[in-house]
Amino acid sequence: MDLQDSRITVLRITQLIMQSEREWKIKHILRN
């Protein structure tokens, strides 16, 4: 795995985390 691949992987993981956090906040706000 070269540098390009690892960079793309980190980007993908970061996007996934941000997306899940956003969904969690929306659900949390809607519940209150």
C-alpha atoms as a PDB file:
ATOM      1  CA  MET A   1       0.000   0.000   0.000  1.00  0.00           C
ATOM      2  CA  ASP A   2       1.569   3.251  -1.112  1.00  0.00           C
ATOM      3  CA  LEU A   3       1.109   6.754   0.275  1.00  0.00           C
ATOM      4  CA  GLN A   4      -1.703   7.610  -2.152  1.00  0.00           C
ATOM      5  CA  ASP A   5      -3.757   4.612  -1.041  1.00  0.00           C
ATOM      6  CA  SER A   6      -3.351   5.353   2.654  1.00  0.00           C
ATOM      7  CA  ARG A   7      -4.301   8.985   2.102  1.00  0.00           C
ATOM      8  CA  ILE A   8      -7.490   7.951   0.301  1.00  0.00           C
ATOM      9  CA  THR A   9      -8.272   5.473   3.069  1.00  0.00           C
ATOM     10  CA  VAL A  10      -7.849   8.132   5.761  1.00  0.00           C
ATOM     11  CA  LEU A  11     -10.099  10.479   3.784  1.00  0.00           C
ATOM     12  CA  ARG A  12     -12.768   7.800   3.454  1.00  0.00           C
ATOM     13  CA  ILE A  13     -12.656   6.965   7.156  1.00  0.00           C
ATOM     14  CA  THR A  14     -12.832  10.646   8.071  1.00  0.00           C
ATOM     15  CA  GLN A  15     -15.868  11.145   5.831  1.00  0.00           C
ATOM     16  CA  LEU A  16     -17.577   8.133   7.380  1.00  0.00           C
ATOM     17  CA  ILE A  17     -16.949   9.424  10.901  1.00  0.00           C
ATOM     18  CA  MET A  18     -18.175  12.925  10.067  1.00  0.00           C
ATOM     19  CA  GLN A  19     -21.281  11.528   8.386  1.00  0.00           C
ATOM     20  CA  SER A  20     -22.141   9.276  11.316  1.00  0.00           C
ATOM     21  CA  GLU A  21     -21.573  12.126  13.787  1.00  0.00           C
ATOM     22  CA  ARG A  22     -23.873  14.363  11.752  1.00  0.00           C
ATOM     23  CA  GLU A  23     -26.605  11.711  11.706  1.00  0.00           C
ATOM     24  CA  TRP A  24     -26.187  11.166  15.446  1.00  0.00           C
ATOM     25  CA  LYS A  25     -26.557  14.896  16.145  1.00  0.00           C
ATOM     26  CA  ILE A  26     -29.665  15.125  13.963  1.00  0.00           C
ATOM     27  CA  LYS A  27     -31.262  12.185  15.773  1.00  0.00           C
ATOM     28  CA  HIS A  28     -30.263  13.632  19.129  1.00  0.00           C
ATOM     29  CA  ILE A  29     -31.730  17.058  18.316  1.00  0.00           C
ATOM     30  CA  LEU A  30     -34.931  15.549  16.939  1.00  0.00           C
ATOM     31  CA  ARG A  31     -35.415  13.487  20.069  1.00  0.00           C
ATOM     32  CA  ASN A  32     -35.261  16.509  22.387  1.00  0.00           C
END
